[in-house]
ModelCIF file with pLDDT and N, C-alpha, C, O atoms, coordinates in Angstrom:
data_MODEL
#
_entry.id   MODEL 
#
_entity.id                         1 
_entity.type                       polymer 
_entity.pdbx_number_of_molecules   1 
#
_entity_poly.entity_id                      1 
_entity_poly.type                           'polypeptide(L)' 
_entity_poly.nstd_linkage                   no 
_entity_poly.nstd_monomer                   no 
_entity_poly.pdbx_seq_one_letter_code       GLLAARILGATDENIRKKMADYQENLRAQVQAK 
_entity_poly.pdbx_seq_one_letter_code_can   GLLAARILGATDENIRKKMADYQENLRAQVQAK 
_entity_poly.pdbx_strand_id                 A 
#
loop_
_entity_poly_seq.entity_id 
_entity_poly_seq.num 
_entity_poly_seq.mon_id 
_entity_poly_seq.hetero 
1 1  GLY n 
1 2  LEU n 
1 3  LEU n 
1 4  ALA n 
1 5  ALA n 
1 6  ARG n 
1 7  ILE n 
1 8  LEU n 
1 9  GLY n 
1 10 ALA n 
1 11 THR n 
1 12 ASP n 
1 13 GLU n 
1 14 ASN n 
1 15 ILE n 
1 16 ARG n 
1 17 LYS n 
1 18 LYS n 
1 19 MET n 
1 20 ALA n 
1 21 ASP n 
1 22 TYR n 
1 23 GLN n 
1 24 GLU n 
1 25 ASN n 
1 26 LEU n 
1 27 ARG n 
1 28 ALA n 
1 29 GLN n 
1 30 VAL n 
1 31 GLN n 
1 32 ALA n 
1 33 LYS n 
#
_struct_asym.id          A 
_struct_asym.entity_id   1 
#
loop_
_ma_qa_metric.id 
_ma_qa_metric.mode 
_ma_qa_metric.name 
_ma_qa_metric.software_group_id 
_ma_qa_metric.type 
1 global pLDDT . pLDDT 
2 local  pLDDT . pLDDT 
#
_ma_qa_metric_global.metric_id      1 
_ma_qa_metric_global.metric_value   97.79 
_ma_qa_metric_global.model_id       1 
_ma_qa_metric_global.ordinal_id     1 
#
loop_
_ma_qa_metric_local.label_asym_id 
_ma_qa_metric_local.label_comp_id 
_ma_qa_metric_local.label_seq_id 
_ma_qa_metric_local.metric_id 
_ma_qa_metric_local.metric_value 
_ma_qa_metric_local.model_id 
_ma_qa_metric_local.ordinal_id 
A GLY 1  2 98.00 1 1  
A LEU 2  2 98.00 1 2  
A LEU 3  2 98.00 1 3  
A ALA 4  2 98.00 1 4  
A ALA 5  2 98.00 1 5  
A ARG 6  2 98.00 1 6  
A ILE 7  2 98.00 1 7  
A LEU 8  2 98.00 1 8  
A GLY 9  2 98.00 1 9  
A ALA 10 2 98.00 1 10 
A THR 11 2 98.00 1 11 
A ASP 12 2 98.00 1 12 
A GLU 13 2 98.00 1 13 
A ASN 14 2 98.00 1 14 
A ILE 15 2 98.00 1 15 
A ARG 16 2 98.00 1 16 
A LYS 17 2 98.00 1 17 
A LYS 18 2 98.00 1 18 
A MET 19 2 98.00 1 19 
A ALA 20 2 98.00 1 20 
A ASP 21 2 98.00 1 21 
A TYR 22 2 98.00 1 22 
A GLN 23 2 98.00 1 23 
A GLU 24 2 98.00 1 24 
A ASN 25 2 98.00 1 25 
A LEU 26 2 97.00 1 26 
A ARG 27 2 98.00 1 27 
A ALA 28 2 98.00 1 28 
A GLN 29 2 97.00 1 29 
A VAL 30 2 97.00 1 30 
A GLN 31 2 97.00 1 31 
A ALA 32 2 97.00 1 32 
A LYS 33 2 96.00 1 33 
#
loop_
_atom_site.group_PDB 
_atom_site.id 
_atom_site.type_symbol 
_atom_site.label_atom_id 
_atom_site.label_alt_id 
_atom_site.label_comp_id 
_atom_site.label_asym_id 
_atom_site.label_entity_id 
_atom_site.label_seq_id 
_atom_site.pdbx_PDB_ins_code 
_atom_site.Cartn_x 
_atom_site.Cartn_y 
_atom_site.Cartn_z 
_atom_site.occupancy 
_atom_site.B_iso_or_equiv 
_atom_site.pdbx_formal_charge 
_atom_site.auth_seq_id 
_atom_site.auth_comp_id 
_atom_site.auth_asym_id 
_atom_site.auth_atom_id 
_atom_site.pdbx_PDB_model_num 
ATOM 1   N N  . GLY A 1 1  ? -1.324  108.532 413.589 1.00 98.00 ? 1  GLY A N  1 
ATOM 2   C CA . GLY A 1 1  ? -2.048  109.395 412.191 1.00 98.00 ? 1  GLY A CA 1 
ATOM 3   C C  . GLY A 1 1  ? -2.816  108.638 411.379 1.00 98.00 ? 1  GLY A C  1 
ATOM 4   O O  . GLY A 1 1  ? -3.955  109.019 411.113 1.00 98.00 ? 1  GLY A O  1 
ATOM 5   N N  . LEU A 1 2  ? -2.246  107.304 410.798 1.00 98.00 ? 2  LEU A N  1 
ATOM 6   C CA . LEU A 1 2  ? -3.162  106.317 410.307 1.00 98.00 ? 2  LEU A CA 1 
ATOM 7   C C  . LEU A 1 2  ? -4.384  106.116 410.917 1.00 98.00 ? 2  LEU A C  1 
ATOM 8   O O  . LEU A 1 2  ? -5.478  106.287 410.380 1.00 98.00 ? 2  LEU A O  1 
ATOM 9   N N  . LEU A 1 3  ? -4.179  105.753 412.038 1.00 98.00 ? 3  LEU A N  1 
ATOM 10  C CA . LEU A 1 3  ? -5.491  105.397 413.067 1.00 98.00 ? 3  LEU A CA 1 
ATOM 11  C C  . LEU A 1 3  ? -6.447  106.535 413.405 1.00 98.00 ? 3  LEU A C  1 
ATOM 12  O O  . LEU A 1 3  ? -7.654  106.302 413.479 1.00 98.00 ? 3  LEU A O  1 
ATOM 13  N N  . ALA A 1 4  ? -5.988  107.683 413.601 1.00 98.00 ? 4  ALA A N  1 
ATOM 14  C CA . ALA A 1 4  ? -6.903  109.009 413.628 1.00 98.00 ? 4  ALA A CA 1 
ATOM 15  C C  . ALA A 1 4  ? -7.584  108.899 412.175 1.00 98.00 ? 4  ALA A C  1 
ATOM 16  O O  . ALA A 1 4  ? -8.732  109.336 412.258 1.00 98.00 ? 4  ALA A O  1 
ATOM 17  N N  . ALA A 1 5  ? -7.318  108.526 411.046 1.00 98.00 ? 5  ALA A N  1 
ATOM 18  C CA . ALA A 1 5  ? -7.786  108.737 409.805 1.00 98.00 ? 5  ALA A CA 1 
ATOM 19  C C  . ALA A 1 5  ? -8.739  107.567 409.715 1.00 98.00 ? 5  ALA A C  1 
ATOM 20  O O  . ALA A 1 5  ? -9.827  107.686 409.152 1.00 98.00 ? 5  ALA A O  1 
ATOM 21  N N  . ARG A 1 6  ? -8.392  106.599 410.190 1.00 98.00 ? 6  ARG A N  1 
ATOM 22  C CA . ARG A 1 6  ? -9.530  105.266 410.111 1.00 98.00 ? 6  ARG A CA 1 
ATOM 23  C C  . ARG A 1 6  ? -10.560 105.744 411.093 1.00 98.00 ? 6  ARG A C  1 
ATOM 24  O O  . ARG A 1 6  ? -11.743 105.485 410.869 1.00 98.00 ? 6  ARG A O  1 
ATOM 25  N N  . ILE A 1 7  ? -10.198 106.446 412.204 1.00 98.00 ? 7  ILE A N  1 
ATOM 26  C CA . ILE A 1 7  ? -11.620 106.546 413.115 1.00 98.00 ? 7  ILE A CA 1 
ATOM 27  C C  . ILE A 1 7  ? -12.548 107.536 412.473 1.00 98.00 ? 7  ILE A C  1 
ATOM 28  O O  . ILE A 1 7  ? -13.775 107.491 412.564 1.00 98.00 ? 7  ILE A O  1 
ATOM 29  N N  . LEU A 1 8  ? -11.639 108.711 411.615 1.00 98.00 ? 8  LEU A N  1 
ATOM 30  C CA . LEU A 1 8  ? -12.698 109.551 411.106 1.00 98.00 ? 8  LEU A CA 1 
ATOM 31  C C  . LEU A 1 8  ? -12.958 109.133 409.680 1.00 98.00 ? 8  LEU A C  1 
ATOM 32  O O  . LEU A 1 8  ? -13.383 110.024 408.944 1.00 98.00 ? 8  LEU A O  1 
ATOM 33  N N  . GLY A 1 9  ? -12.778 107.938 409.161 1.00 98.00 ? 9  GLY A N  1 
ATOM 34  C CA . GLY A 1 9  ? -12.979 107.106 408.030 1.00 98.00 ? 9  GLY A CA 1 
ATOM 35  C C  . GLY A 1 9  ? -14.532 106.604 408.220 1.00 98.00 ? 9  GLY A C  1 
ATOM 36  O O  . GLY A 1 9  ? -15.421 106.690 407.373 1.00 98.00 ? 9  GLY A O  1 
ATOM 37  N N  . ALA A 1 10 ? -14.634 106.079 409.497 1.00 98.00 ? 10 ALA A N  1 
ATOM 38  C CA . ALA A 1 10 ? -15.891 105.302 409.964 1.00 98.00 ? 10 ALA A CA 1 
ATOM 39  C C  . ALA A 1 10 ? -16.866 106.065 409.485 1.00 98.00 ? 10 ALA A C  1 
ATOM 40  O O  . ALA A 1 10 ? -17.805 105.430 409.004 1.00 98.00 ? 10 ALA A O  1 
ATOM 41  N N  . THR A 1 11 ? -16.958 107.376 409.457 1.00 98.00 ? 11 THR A N  1 
ATOM 42  C CA . THR A 1 11 ? -18.255 108.168 409.403 1.00 98.00 ? 11 THR A CA 1 
ATOM 43  C C  . THR A 1 11 ? -17.893 109.252 408.189 1.00 98.00 ? 11 THR A C  1 
ATOM 44  O O  . THR A 1 11 ? -18.703 110.154 407.978 1.00 98.00 ? 11 THR A O  1 
ATOM 45  N N  . ASP A 1 12 ? -16.673 109.164 407.387 1.00 98.00 ? 12 ASP A N  1 
ATOM 46  C CA . ASP A 1 12 ? -16.439 110.058 406.314 1.00 98.00 ? 12 ASP A CA 1 
ATOM 47  C C  . ASP A 1 12 ? -16.066 109.127 405.405 1.00 98.00 ? 12 ASP A C  1 
ATOM 48  O O  . ASP A 1 12 ? -15.097 108.385 405.573 1.00 98.00 ? 12 ASP A O  1 
ATOM 49  N N  . GLU A 1 13 ? -17.009 109.112 404.130 1.00 98.00 ? 13 GLU A N  1 
ATOM 50  C CA . GLU A 1 13 ? -16.691 108.237 402.857 1.00 98.00 ? 13 GLU A CA 1 
ATOM 51  C C  . GLU A 1 13 ? -15.587 108.445 402.520 1.00 98.00 ? 13 GLU A C  1 
ATOM 52  O O  . GLU A 1 13 ? -14.761 107.536 402.445 1.00 98.00 ? 13 GLU A O  1 
ATOM 53  N N  . ASN A 1 14 ? -15.242 110.024 402.163 1.00 98.00 ? 14 ASN A N  1 
ATOM 54  C CA . ASN A 1 14 ? -14.052 110.618 401.495 1.00 98.00 ? 14 ASN A CA 1 
ATOM 55  C C  . ASN A 1 14 ? -12.708 109.909 402.019 1.00 98.00 ? 14 ASN A C  1 
ATOM 56  O O  . ASN A 1 14 ? -11.986 109.168 401.352 1.00 98.00 ? 14 ASN A O  1 
ATOM 57  N N  . ILE A 1 15 ? -12.511 110.335 403.490 1.00 98.00 ? 15 ILE A N  1 
ATOM 58  C CA . ILE A 1 15 ? -11.385 109.676 403.989 1.00 98.00 ? 15 ILE A CA 1 
ATOM 59  C C  . ILE A 1 15 ? -11.153 108.177 404.166 1.00 98.00 ? 15 ILE A C  1 
ATOM 60  O O  . ILE A 1 15 ? -10.012 107.822 404.463 1.00 98.00 ? 15 ILE A O  1 
ATOM 61  N N  . ARG A 1 16 ? -12.111 107.260 404.017 1.00 98.00 ? 16 ARG A N  1 
ATOM 62  C CA . ARG A 1 16 ? -12.337 106.033 404.192 1.00 98.00 ? 16 ARG A CA 1 
ATOM 63  C C  . ARG A 1 16 ? -11.716 105.526 402.409 1.00 98.00 ? 16 ARG A C  1 
ATOM 64  O O  . ARG A 1 16 ? -10.850 104.677 402.195 1.00 98.00 ? 16 ARG A O  1 
ATOM 65  N N  . LYS A 1 17 ? -12.447 106.316 401.377 1.00 98.00 ? 17 LYS A N  1 
ATOM 66  C CA . LYS A 1 17 ? -11.626 105.935 400.099 1.00 98.00 ? 17 LYS A CA 1 
ATOM 67  C C  . LYS A 1 17 ? -10.171 106.163 400.169 1.00 98.00 ? 17 LYS A C  1 
ATOM 68  O O  . LYS A 1 17 ? -9.290  105.340 399.921 1.00 98.00 ? 17 LYS A O  1 
ATOM 69  N N  . LYS A 1 18 ? -10.058 107.190 400.480 1.00 98.00 ? 18 LYS A N  1 
ATOM 70  C CA . LYS A 1 18 ? -8.299  107.645 400.758 1.00 98.00 ? 18 LYS A CA 1 
ATOM 71  C C  . LYS A 1 18 ? -7.543  106.684 401.640 1.00 98.00 ? 18 LYS A C  1 
ATOM 72  O O  . LYS A 1 18 ? -6.335  106.552 401.439 1.00 98.00 ? 18 LYS A O  1 
ATOM 73  N N  . MET A 1 19 ? -8.207  105.919 402.710 1.00 98.00 ? 19 MET A N  1 
ATOM 74  C CA . MET A 1 19 ? -7.272  104.837 403.390 1.00 98.00 ? 19 MET A CA 1 
ATOM 75  C C  . MET A 1 19 ? -7.014  103.523 402.341 1.00 98.00 ? 19 MET A C  1 
ATOM 76  O O  . MET A 1 19 ? -5.960  102.914 402.162 1.00 98.00 ? 19 MET A O  1 
ATOM 77  N N  . ALA A 1 20 ? -8.377  103.289 401.693 1.00 98.00 ? 20 ALA A N  1 
ATOM 78  C CA . ALA A 1 20 ? -8.071  102.204 400.877 1.00 98.00 ? 20 ALA A CA 1 
ATOM 79  C C  . ALA A 1 20 ? -7.467  102.443 399.823 1.00 98.00 ? 20 ALA A C  1 
ATOM 80  O O  . ALA A 1 20 ? -6.909  101.491 399.277 1.00 98.00 ? 20 ALA A O  1 
ATOM 81  N N  . ASP A 1 21 ? -7.405  103.464 399.353 1.00 98.00 ? 21 ASP A N  1 
ATOM 82  C CA . ASP A 1 21 ? -6.190  103.803 398.048 1.00 98.00 ? 21 ASP A CA 1 
ATOM 83  C C  . ASP A 1 21 ? -4.848  103.743 398.827 1.00 98.00 ? 21 ASP A C  1 
ATOM 84  O O  . ASP A 1 21 ? -3.875  103.270 398.242 1.00 98.00 ? 21 ASP A O  1 
ATOM 85  N N  . TYR A 1 22 ? -4.713  104.220 400.199 1.00 98.00 ? 22 TYR A N  1 
ATOM 86  C CA . TYR A 1 22 ? -3.315  104.014 400.833 1.00 98.00 ? 22 TYR A CA 1 
ATOM 87  C C  . TYR A 1 22 ? -2.863  102.451 400.969 1.00 98.00 ? 22 TYR A C  1 
ATOM 88  O O  . TYR A 1 22 ? -1.724  102.021 400.783 1.00 98.00 ? 22 TYR A O  1 
ATOM 89  N N  . GLN A 1 23 ? -3.858  101.804 401.286 1.00 98.00 ? 23 GLN A N  1 
ATOM 90  C CA . GLN A 1 23 ? -3.770  100.192 401.552 1.00 98.00 ? 23 GLN A CA 1 
ATOM 91  C C  . GLN A 1 23 ? -3.394  99.524  400.198 1.00 98.00 ? 23 GLN A C  1 
ATOM 92  O O  . GLN A 1 23 ? -2.709  98.509  400.071 1.00 98.00 ? 23 GLN A O  1 
ATOM 93  N N  . GLU A 1 24 ? -3.933  100.231 399.254 1.00 98.00 ? 24 GLU A N  1 
ATOM 94  C CA . GLU A 1 24 ? -3.652  99.371  397.563 1.00 98.00 ? 24 GLU A CA 1 
ATOM 95  C C  . GLU A 1 24 ? -2.509  99.786  397.414 1.00 98.00 ? 24 GLU A C  1 
ATOM 96  O O  . GLU A 1 24 ? -1.754  98.969  396.886 1.00 98.00 ? 24 GLU A O  1 
ATOM 97  N N  . ASN A 1 25 ? -2.013  100.900 397.715 1.00 98.00 ? 25 ASN A N  1 
ATOM 98  C CA . ASN A 1 25 ? -0.544  101.316 397.412 1.00 98.00 ? 25 ASN A CA 1 
ATOM 99  C C  . ASN A 1 25 ? 0.181   100.744 398.171 1.00 98.00 ? 25 ASN A C  1 
ATOM 100 O O  . ASN A 1 25 ? 1.237   100.634 397.549 1.00 98.00 ? 25 ASN A O  1 
ATOM 101 N N  . LEU A 1 26 ? 0.311   100.257 399.227 1.00 97.00 ? 26 LEU A N  1 
ATOM 102 C CA . LEU A 1 26 ? 1.331   99.631  400.175 1.00 97.00 ? 26 LEU A CA 1 
ATOM 103 C C  . LEU A 1 26 ? 1.185   98.048  399.456 1.00 97.00 ? 26 LEU A C  1 
ATOM 104 O O  . LEU A 1 26 ? 2.237   97.475  399.173 1.00 97.00 ? 26 LEU A O  1 
ATOM 105 N N  . ARG A 1 27 ? -0.014  97.424  399.194 1.00 98.00 ? 27 ARG A N  1 
ATOM 106 C CA . ARG A 1 27 ? 0.090   96.044  398.988 1.00 98.00 ? 27 ARG A CA 1 
ATOM 107 C C  . ARG A 1 27 ? 0.719   96.058  397.439 1.00 98.00 ? 27 ARG A C  1 
ATOM 108 O O  . ARG A 1 27 ? 1.125   94.969  397.034 1.00 98.00 ? 27 ARG A O  1 
ATOM 109 N N  . ALA A 1 28 ? 0.814   97.025  396.683 1.00 98.00 ? 28 ALA A N  1 
ATOM 110 C CA . ALA A 1 28 ? 1.477   97.152  395.383 1.00 98.00 ? 28 ALA A CA 1 
ATOM 111 C C  . ALA A 1 28 ? 2.839   97.379  395.409 1.00 98.00 ? 28 ALA A C  1 
ATOM 112 O O  . ALA A 1 28 ? 3.543   96.743  394.625 1.00 98.00 ? 28 ALA A O  1 
ATOM 113 N N  . GLN A 1 29 ? 3.471   98.388  396.380 1.00 97.00 ? 29 GLN A N  1 
ATOM 114 C CA . GLN A 1 29 ? 4.836   98.373  396.687 1.00 97.00 ? 29 GLN A CA 1 
ATOM 115 C C  . GLN A 1 29 ? 5.335   96.973  397.097 1.00 97.00 ? 29 GLN A C  1 
ATOM 116 O O  . GLN A 1 29 ? 6.295   96.581  396.433 1.00 97.00 ? 29 GLN A O  1 
ATOM 117 N N  . VAL A 1 30 ? 4.823   96.027  398.181 1.00 97.00 ? 30 VAL A N  1 
ATOM 118 C CA . VAL A 1 30 ? 4.926   94.623  398.642 1.00 97.00 ? 30 VAL A CA 1 
ATOM 119 C C  . VAL A 1 30 ? 5.152   93.683  397.318 1.00 97.00 ? 30 VAL A C  1 
ATOM 120 O O  . VAL A 1 30 ? 6.000   92.793  397.241 1.00 97.00 ? 30 VAL A O  1 
ATOM 121 N N  . GLN A 1 31 ? 4.033   94.134  396.080 1.00 97.00 ? 31 GLN A N  1 
ATOM 122 C CA . GLN A 1 31 ? 4.134   92.874  395.432 1.00 97.00 ? 31 GLN A CA 1 
ATOM 123 C C  . GLN A 1 31 ? 5.273   93.390  394.528 1.00 97.00 ? 31 GLN A C  1 
ATOM 124 O O  . GLN A 1 31 ? 5.880   92.496  393.938 1.00 97.00 ? 31 GLN A O  1 
ATOM 125 N N  . ALA A 1 32 ? 5.663   94.589  394.315 1.00 97.00 ? 32 ALA A N  1 
ATOM 126 C CA . ALA A 1 32 ? 6.767   94.902  393.444 1.00 97.00 ? 32 ALA A CA 1 
ATOM 127 C C  . ALA A 1 32 ? 7.973   94.378  394.010 1.00 97.00 ? 32 ALA A C  1 
ATOM 128 O O  . ALA A 1 32 ? 8.719   93.913  393.148 1.00 97.00 ? 32 ALA A O  1 
ATOM 129 N N  . LYS A 1 33 ? 8.535   94.281  395.550 1.00 96.00 ? 33 LYS A N  1 
ATOM 130 C CA . LYS A 1 33 ? 9.185   93.935  396.076 1.00 96.00 ? 33 LYS A CA 1 
ATOM 131 C C  . LYS A 1 33 ? 9.685   92.373  395.807 1.00 96.00 ? 33 LYS A C  1 
ATOM 132 O O  . LYS A 1 33 ? 10.567  91.878  396.508 1.00 96.00 ? 33 LYS A O  1 
#
């Protein structure tokens, strides 16, 4: 599902922004740990 979102995000700025936010959230979770 995430790879499909990245494929679509290559040409859709809104999806690409959501992916960047998702990645930032993952980073923040690991940092807290």
